Structure formats: structure tokens, C-alpha cells
């Protein structure tokens, strides 16, 4: 995991006044996962990462040169 990403999680957790244990409990994951995320671990399950991010109110925004085309196709498919 990119070091800046780990720092973002740590920053949000501290600003939220949560301990690693409290964040883990709220997210429904183990304390070790929070410790590993903040340490920049490269391999974590996306499902668990998303749980932690949801508790911290952090959204992921994917960028791609084809993002607009993808969104347009998805919009057409939903109609």
C-alpha cells in the first residue's frame, strides 16, 4: 500500500479520536489490520479496507483516461 495512503488512514483515525482497537471494532475487522494499514502493508483484502474507510468516511475515487466513457456506458446500461 502506498505510504501516503497509510498516512491518510492514520490522520483520519487520530482526528476522529479513535484508537486502533476502536476503529477495528467499528469496522468489524481485527486490530492487527488497522495496525498493518497504518504501517503501509501492501496486501490487504479490499473488503476489509473498504470497511475501515467507511468508518473513517473516506471515499475512493478511481481515475482513468477512460473513466468518462465507462460512466457513460454504465448510465446507458441502467436506462
N, C-alpha and C. Protein backbone atom coordinates (compact mmCIF):
# COMPACT_ATOMS: atom_id res chain seq x y z
N UNK A 1 0.86 -1.19 0.00
CA UNK A 1 0.00 0.00 0.00
C UNK A 1 0.90 1.24 0.00
N UNK A 2 0.53 2.19 -0.75
CA UNK A 2 1.30 3.43 -0.85
C UNK A 2 1.39 4.11 0.50
N UNK A 3 2.56 4.61 0.84
CA UNK A 3 2.79 5.21 2.15
C UNK A 3 1.83 6.37 2.43
N UNK A 4 1.53 7.20 1.43
CA UNK A 4 0.60 8.31 1.66
C UNK A 4 -0.79 7.80 2.05
N UNK A 5 -1.18 6.67 1.49
CA UNK A 5 -2.48 6.10 1.82
C UNK A 5 -2.51 5.71 3.29
N UNK A 6 -1.45 5.10 3.77
CA UNK A 6 -1.34 4.72 5.17
C UNK A 6 -1.41 5.95 6.06
N UNK A 7 -0.74 7.01 5.64
CA UNK A 7 -0.74 8.25 6.42
C UNK A 7 -2.14 8.89 6.45
N UNK A 8 -2.88 8.77 5.38
CA UNK A 8 -4.25 9.30 5.33
C UNK A 8 -5.13 8.56 6.34
N UNK A 9 -5.01 7.25 6.38
CA UNK A 9 -5.79 6.46 7.32
C UNK A 9 -5.44 6.84 8.75
N UNK A 10 -4.15 6.92 9.05
CA UNK A 10 -3.69 7.29 10.39
C UNK A 10 -4.20 8.68 10.77
N UNK A 11 -4.08 9.63 9.87
CA UNK A 11 -4.53 11.00 10.12
C UNK A 11 -6.02 11.04 10.45
N UNK A 12 -6.82 10.37 9.64
CA UNK A 12 -8.27 10.36 9.85
C UNK A 12 -8.64 9.66 11.16
N UNK A 13 -7.95 8.57 11.46
CA UNK A 13 -8.25 7.86 12.70
C UNK A 13 -7.97 8.75 13.91
N UNK A 14 -6.81 9.39 13.91
CA UNK A 14 -6.46 10.25 15.05
C UNK A 14 -7.40 11.45 15.15
N UNK A 15 -7.72 12.08 14.02
CA UNK A 15 -8.64 13.22 14.03
C UNK A 15 -10.03 12.83 14.49
N UNK A 16 -10.38 11.56 14.28
CA UNK A 16 -11.68 11.05 14.72
C UNK A 16 -11.67 10.67 16.20
N UNK A 17 -10.49 10.73 16.80
CA UNK A 17 -10.37 10.40 18.23
C UNK A 17 -10.52 8.92 18.51
N UNK A 18 -10.18 8.09 17.53
CA UNK A 18 -10.33 6.65 17.69
C UNK A 18 -8.99 5.98 17.93
N UNK A 19 -8.98 5.00 18.80
CA UNK A 19 -7.80 4.15 18.94
C UNK A 19 -7.85 3.13 17.80
N UNK A 20 -6.74 2.44 17.60
CA UNK A 20 -6.74 1.39 16.58
C UNK A 20 -7.79 0.33 16.93
N UNK A 21 -7.89 0.00 18.21
CA UNK A 21 -8.86 -1.00 18.65
C UNK A 21 -10.29 -0.54 18.37
N UNK A 22 -10.59 0.72 18.68
CA UNK A 22 -11.95 1.24 18.47
C UNK A 22 -12.30 1.25 16.99
N UNK A 23 -11.36 1.67 16.14
CA UNK A 23 -11.60 1.67 14.70
C UNK A 23 -11.85 0.25 14.21
N UNK A 24 -11.04 -0.68 14.67
CA UNK A 24 -11.20 -2.07 14.26
C UNK A 24 -12.59 -2.59 14.65
N UNK A 25 -13.01 -2.29 15.87
CA UNK A 25 -14.32 -2.76 16.32
C UNK A 25 -15.45 -2.16 15.49
N UNK A 26 -15.37 -0.86 15.23
CA UNK A 26 -16.40 -0.21 14.44
C UNK A 26 -16.46 -0.76 13.01
N UNK A 27 -15.29 -1.11 12.47
CA UNK A 27 -15.22 -1.62 11.10
C UNK A 27 -15.48 -3.12 11.02
N UNK A 28 -15.45 -3.78 12.16
CA UNK A 28 -15.66 -5.22 12.15
C UNK A 28 -14.46 -5.99 11.63
N UNK A 29 -13.27 -5.46 11.90
CA UNK A 29 -12.02 -6.12 11.48
C UNK A 29 -11.12 -6.26 12.70
N UNK A 30 -10.03 -6.98 12.54
CA UNK A 30 -9.08 -7.15 13.64
C UNK A 30 -8.20 -5.92 13.82
N UNK A 31 -7.75 -5.73 15.06
CA UNK A 31 -6.86 -4.60 15.36
C UNK A 31 -5.58 -4.67 14.52
N UNK A 32 -5.11 -5.88 14.29
CA UNK A 32 -3.88 -6.03 13.50
C UNK A 32 -4.04 -5.45 12.10
N UNK A 33 -5.23 -5.55 11.53
CA UNK A 33 -5.45 -5.00 10.19
C UNK A 33 -5.25 -3.48 10.20
N UNK A 34 -5.80 -2.81 11.20
CA UNK A 34 -5.65 -1.35 11.29
C UNK A 34 -4.17 -1.01 11.45
N UNK A 35 -3.47 -1.74 12.31
CA UNK A 35 -2.04 -1.54 12.51
C UNK A 35 -1.28 -1.72 11.20
N UNK A 36 -1.63 -2.76 10.46
CA UNK A 36 -0.96 -3.03 9.19
C UNK A 36 -1.26 -1.97 8.14
N UNK A 37 -2.51 -1.52 8.08
CA UNK A 37 -2.87 -0.46 7.13
C UNK A 37 -2.07 0.80 7.40
N UNK A 38 -1.99 1.18 8.66
CA UNK A 38 -1.26 2.39 9.03
C UNK A 38 0.25 2.24 8.84
N UNK A 39 0.71 0.99 8.81
CA UNK A 39 2.12 0.73 8.57
C UNK A 39 2.47 0.60 7.10
N UNK A 40 1.46 0.69 6.24
CA UNK A 40 1.71 0.64 4.81
C UNK A 40 1.76 -0.75 4.22
N UNK A 41 1.16 -1.74 4.88
CA UNK A 41 1.17 -3.10 4.34
C UNK A 41 0.62 -3.10 2.92
N UNK A 42 1.28 -3.86 2.07
CA UNK A 42 0.96 -3.88 0.65
C UNK A 42 -0.24 -4.75 0.29
N UNK A 43 -0.51 -5.77 1.08
CA UNK A 43 -1.58 -6.69 0.69
C UNK A 43 -2.62 -6.81 1.81
N UNK A 44 -3.77 -6.25 1.54
CA UNK A 44 -4.92 -6.40 2.44
C UNK A 44 -6.14 -6.68 1.56
N UNK A 45 -7.11 -7.35 2.13
CA UNK A 45 -8.34 -7.64 1.37
C UNK A 45 -9.10 -6.34 1.14
N UNK A 46 -9.51 -6.13 -0.09
CA UNK A 46 -10.26 -4.93 -0.44
C UNK A 46 -11.50 -4.79 0.43
N UNK A 47 -12.16 -5.89 0.69
CA UNK A 47 -13.36 -5.89 1.53
C UNK A 47 -13.08 -5.27 2.90
N UNK A 48 -11.96 -5.65 3.51
CA UNK A 48 -11.61 -5.13 4.83
C UNK A 48 -11.17 -3.67 4.77
N UNK A 49 -10.43 -3.34 3.72
CA UNK A 49 -10.02 -1.95 3.54
C UNK A 49 -11.23 -1.05 3.42
N UNK A 50 -12.21 -1.46 2.63
CA UNK A 50 -13.41 -0.65 2.45
C UNK A 50 -14.19 -0.47 3.74
N UNK A 51 -14.19 -1.47 4.60
CA UNK A 51 -14.85 -1.36 5.90
C UNK A 51 -14.21 -0.27 6.74
N UNK A 52 -12.88 -0.25 6.77
CA UNK A 52 -12.15 0.75 7.55
C UNK A 52 -12.39 2.14 6.96
N UNK A 53 -12.32 2.25 5.65
CA UNK A 53 -12.52 3.55 5.01
C UNK A 53 -13.93 4.08 5.26
N UNK A 54 -14.92 3.20 5.27
CA UNK A 54 -16.30 3.61 5.52
C UNK A 54 -16.45 4.21 6.91
N UNK A 55 -15.83 3.60 7.90
CA UNK A 55 -15.91 4.12 9.27
C UNK A 55 -15.27 5.50 9.35
N UNK A 56 -14.18 5.69 8.61
CA UNK A 56 -13.46 6.97 8.63
C UNK A 56 -14.07 7.99 7.66
N UNK A 57 -15.11 7.58 6.95
CA UNK A 57 -15.78 8.45 5.98
C UNK A 57 -14.84 8.90 4.86
N UNK A 58 -14.04 7.95 4.40
CA UNK A 58 -13.10 8.19 3.29
C UNK A 58 -13.65 7.47 2.07
N UNK A 59 -13.74 8.17 0.96
CA UNK A 59 -14.19 7.57 -0.29
C UNK A 59 -13.02 7.37 -1.23
N UNK A 60 -13.05 6.29 -1.98
CA UNK A 60 -12.07 6.06 -3.03
C UNK A 60 -12.62 6.63 -4.33
N UNK A 61 -11.77 7.27 -5.09
CA UNK A 61 -12.18 7.81 -6.38
C UNK A 61 -11.16 7.34 -7.40
N UNK A 62 -11.58 6.45 -8.27
CA UNK A 62 -10.68 5.91 -9.28
C UNK A 62 -10.61 6.85 -10.47
N UNK A 63 -9.40 7.06 -10.94
CA UNK A 63 -9.19 7.92 -12.10
C UNK A 63 -8.63 7.08 -13.23
N UNK A 64 -9.10 7.37 -14.42
CA UNK A 64 -8.68 6.63 -15.59
C UNK A 64 -8.94 7.49 -16.82
N UNK A 65 -8.11 7.34 -17.85
CA UNK A 65 -8.38 8.09 -19.07
C UNK A 65 -9.72 7.67 -19.71
N UNK A 66 -10.23 6.51 -19.34
CA UNK A 66 -11.49 6.02 -19.91
C UNK A 66 -12.65 6.14 -18.93
N UNK A 67 -12.45 6.85 -17.83
CA UNK A 67 -13.48 6.94 -16.79
C UNK A 67 -14.79 7.52 -17.32
N UNK A 68 -14.72 8.59 -18.06
CA UNK A 68 -15.94 9.23 -18.58
C UNK A 68 -16.69 8.29 -19.52
N UNK A 69 -15.96 7.58 -20.36
CA UNK A 69 -16.60 6.63 -21.28
C UNK A 69 -17.25 5.50 -20.48
N UNK A 70 -16.57 5.03 -19.44
CA UNK A 70 -17.12 3.97 -18.60
C UNK A 70 -18.41 4.43 -17.93
N UNK A 71 -18.38 5.63 -17.35
CA UNK A 71 -19.56 6.15 -16.68
C UNK A 71 -20.72 6.34 -17.65
N UNK A 72 -20.41 6.80 -18.86
CA UNK A 72 -21.45 6.98 -19.87
C UNK A 72 -22.08 5.64 -20.24
N UNK A 73 -21.25 4.61 -20.42
CA UNK A 73 -21.77 3.28 -20.76
C UNK A 73 -22.60 2.72 -19.62
N UNK A 74 -22.16 2.95 -18.39
CA UNK A 74 -22.92 2.45 -17.24
C UNK A 74 -24.28 3.15 -17.15
N UNK A 75 -24.29 4.44 -17.43
CA UNK A 75 -25.53 5.19 -17.43
C UNK A 75 -26.48 4.69 -18.50
N UNK A 76 -25.96 4.38 -19.69
CA UNK A 76 -26.79 3.86 -20.77
C UNK A 76 -27.34 2.49 -20.40
N UNK A 77 -26.55 1.67 -19.72
CA UNK A 77 -26.99 0.33 -19.35
C UNK A 77 -28.09 0.35 -18.30
N UNK A 78 -28.12 1.39 -17.46
CA UNK A 78 -29.12 1.49 -16.40
C UNK A 78 -30.46 1.98 -16.93
N UNK A 79 -30.48 2.54 -18.12
CA UNK A 79 -31.74 3.08 -18.68
C UNK A 79 -32.60 2.02 -19.28
